[in-house]
């Protein structure tokens, strides 16, 4: 993984953890730990896709599923970039 992508993933994880802590209030809760893991892994496939083409979120999510067998974590990686329709959310 390229160094700037690692740095970006750490920054995203720090922000995601701040938000998750507001919700779960426990850094050891499984949901908090899942948010942190998904944030750290959200660009896992990016370097590969820069070099070979493809959709980095889908590739990273597939890798996470194959390695961890955790569908929740892989979905967090796959859908990290999905945007919420702000009109529907409020």
C-alpha atoms as a PDB file:
ATOM      1  CA  UNK A   1       0.000   0.000   0.000  1.00  0.00           C
ATOM      2  CA  UNK A   2       1.305   3.439  -0.901  1.00  0.00           C
ATOM      3  CA  UNK A   3       2.374   5.514   2.100  1.00  0.00           C
ATOM      4  CA  UNK A   4      -0.049   8.376   1.407  1.00  0.00           C
ATOM      5  CA  UNK A   5      -2.920   5.871   1.294  1.00  0.00           C
ATOM      6  CA  UNK A   6      -1.833   4.440   4.659  1.00  0.00           C
ATOM      7  CA  UNK A   7      -1.735   7.973   6.097  1.00  0.00           C
ATOM      8  CA  UNK A   8      -5.173   8.733   4.685  1.00  0.00           C
ATOM      9  CA  UNK A   9      -6.604   5.500   6.126  1.00  0.00           C
ATOM     10  CA  UNK A  10      -5.207   6.354   9.566  1.00  0.00           C
ATOM     11  CA  UNK A  11      -6.815   9.806   9.361  1.00  0.00           C
ATOM     12  CA  UNK A  12     -10.163   8.327   8.312  1.00  0.00           C
ATOM     13  CA  UNK A  13      -9.951   5.797  11.159  1.00  0.00           C
ATOM     14  CA  UNK A  14      -9.247   8.547  13.703  1.00  0.00           C
ATOM     15  CA  UNK A  15     -12.337  10.472  12.600  1.00  0.00           C
ATOM     16  CA  UNK A  16     -14.485   7.322  12.413  1.00  0.00           C
ATOM     17  CA  UNK A  17     -13.373   6.331  15.919  1.00  0.00           C
ATOM     18  CA  UNK A  18     -14.300   9.737  17.315  1.00  0.00           C
ATOM     19  CA  UNK A  19     -17.775   9.394  15.833  1.00  0.00           C
ATOM     20  CA  UNK A  20     -18.135   5.754  16.887  1.00  0.00           C
ATOM     21  CA  UNK A  21     -17.129   6.620  20.445  1.00  0.00           C
ATOM     22  CA  UNK A  22     -19.933   9.175  20.605  1.00  0.00           C
ATOM     23  CA  UNK A  23     -22.357   6.381  19.750  1.00  0.00           C
ATOM     24  CA  UNK A  24     -20.939   3.358  21.581  1.00  0.00           C
ATOM     25  CA  UNK A  25     -18.937   4.951  24.468  1.00  0.00           C
ATOM     26  CA  UNK A  26     -16.763   1.845  24.662  1.00  0.00           C
ATOM     27  CA  UNK A  27     -13.615   1.337  22.583  1.00  0.00           C
ATOM     28  CA  UNK A  28     -13.783  -2.401  23.305  1.00  0.00           C
ATOM     29  CA  UNK A  29     -17.314  -2.902  21.996  1.00  0.00           C
ATOM     30  CA  UNK A  30     -17.506  -5.106  18.898  1.00  0.00           C
ATOM     31  CA  UNK A  31     -19.288  -2.374  16.942  1.00  0.00           C
ATOM     32  CA  UNK A  32     -16.655   0.243  17.789  1.00  0.00           C
ATOM     33  CA  UNK A  33     -13.884  -2.169  16.820  1.00  0.00           C
ATOM     34  CA  UNK A  34     -15.671  -2.981  13.551  1.00  0.00           C
ATOM     35  CA  UNK A  35     -15.912   0.713  12.665  1.00  0.00           C
ATOM     36  CA  UNK A  36     -12.195   1.167  13.371  1.00  0.00           C
ATOM     37  CA  UNK A  37     -11.248  -1.900  11.321  1.00  0.00           C
ATOM     38  CA  UNK A  38     -13.432  -0.925   8.354  1.00  0.00           C
ATOM     39  CA  UNK A  39     -12.031   2.615   8.399  1.00  0.00           C
ATOM     40  CA  UNK A  40      -8.447   1.363   8.438  1.00  0.00           C
ATOM     41  CA  UNK A  41      -9.164  -1.091   5.616  1.00  0.00           C
ATOM     42  CA  UNK A  42     -11.443   1.058   3.465  1.00  0.00           C
ATOM     43  CA  UNK A  43      -8.725   1.713   0.837  1.00  0.00           C
ATOM     44  CA  UNK A  44      -7.138  -1.727   1.000  1.00  0.00           C
ATOM     45  CA  UNK A  45      -7.618  -2.305  -2.739  1.00  0.00           C
ATOM     46  CA  UNK A  46      -6.649   1.197  -3.871  1.00  0.00           C
ATOM     47  CA  UNK A  47      -2.980   0.612  -4.742  1.00  0.00           C
ATOM     48  CA  UNK A  48      -3.894  -2.529  -6.663  1.00  0.00           C
ATOM     49  CA  UNK A  49      -6.552  -0.647  -8.633  1.00  0.00           C
ATOM     50  CA  UNK A  50      -4.246   2.280  -9.388  1.00  0.00           C
ATOM     51  CA  UNK A  51      -1.801  -0.201 -10.890  1.00  0.00           C
ATOM     52  CA  UNK A  52      -4.265  -2.633 -12.505  1.00  0.00           C
ATOM     53  CA  UNK A  53      -7.635  -0.933 -12.762  1.00  0.00           C
ATOM     54  CA  UNK A  54     -10.868  -1.892 -11.079  1.00  0.00           C
ATOM     55  CA  UNK A  55     -13.128  -0.610  -8.309  1.00  0.00           C
ATOM     56  CA  UNK A  56     -11.021  -0.436  -5.156  1.00  0.00           C
ATOM     57  CA  UNK A  57     -13.917  -0.638  -2.675  1.00  0.00           C
ATOM     58  CA  UNK A  58     -15.310  -3.823  -4.241  1.00  0.00           C
ATOM     59  CA  UNK A  59     -11.888  -5.445  -4.535  1.00  0.00           C
ATOM     60  CA  UNK A  60     -10.893  -4.487  -0.984  1.00  0.00           C
ATOM     61  CA  UNK A  61     -14.215  -5.742   0.366  1.00  0.00           C
ATOM     62  CA  UNK A  62     -13.796  -9.048  -1.452  1.00  0.00           C
ATOM     63  CA  UNK A  63     -10.283  -9.454  -0.044  1.00  0.00           C
ATOM     64  CA  UNK A  64     -11.497  -8.712   3.482  1.00  0.00           C
ATOM     65  CA  UNK A  65     -14.322 -11.245   3.122  1.00  0.00           C
ATOM     66  CA  UNK A  66     -11.958 -13.904   1.776  1.00  0.00           C
ATOM     67  CA  UNK A  67      -9.427 -13.375   4.562  1.00  0.00           C
ATOM     68  CA  UNK A  68     -11.633 -12.671   7.590  1.00  0.00           C
ATOM     69  CA  UNK A  69     -14.883 -14.439   6.634  1.00  0.00           C
ATOM     70  CA  UNK A  70     -16.591 -11.471   8.329  1.00  0.00           C
ATOM     71  CA  UNK A  71     -19.427 -10.183   6.128  1.00  0.00           C
ATOM     72  CA  UNK A  72     -20.012  -7.116   8.322  1.00  0.00           C
ATOM     73  CA  UNK A  73     -16.413  -5.983   8.047  1.00  0.00           C
ATOM     74  CA  UNK A  74     -16.289  -6.648   4.315  1.00  0.00           C
ATOM     75  CA  UNK A  75     -19.510  -4.664   3.817  1.00  0.00           C
ATOM     76  CA  UNK A  76     -17.984  -1.791   5.793  1.00  0.00           C
ATOM     77  CA  UNK A  77     -15.019  -1.784   3.416  1.00  0.00           C
ATOM     78  CA  UNK A  78     -17.148  -2.218   0.285  1.00  0.00           C
ATOM     79  CA  UNK A  79     -19.588   0.545   1.171  1.00  0.00           C
ATOM     80  CA  UNK A  80     -17.268   3.015   2.894  1.00  0.00           C
ATOM     81  CA  UNK A  81     -17.598   5.421  -0.018  1.00  0.00           C
ATOM     82  CA  UNK A  82     -21.386   5.280  -0.382  1.00  0.00           C
ATOM     83  CA  UNK A  83     -23.020   8.615   0.111  1.00  0.00           C
ATOM     84  CA  UNK A  84     -26.216   9.171   2.036  1.00  0.00           C
ATOM     85  CA  UNK A  85     -28.911  11.136   0.274  1.00  0.00           C
ATOM     86  CA  UNK A  86     -29.024  14.173   2.576  1.00  0.00           C
ATOM     87  CA  UNK A  87     -32.688  14.915   1.806  1.00  0.00           C
ATOM     88  CA  UNK A  88     -33.709  11.358   2.674  1.00  0.00           C
ATOM     89  CA  UNK A  89     -31.526  11.319   5.810  1.00  0.00           C
ATOM     90  CA  UNK A  90     -33.155  14.349   7.352  1.00  0.00           C
END
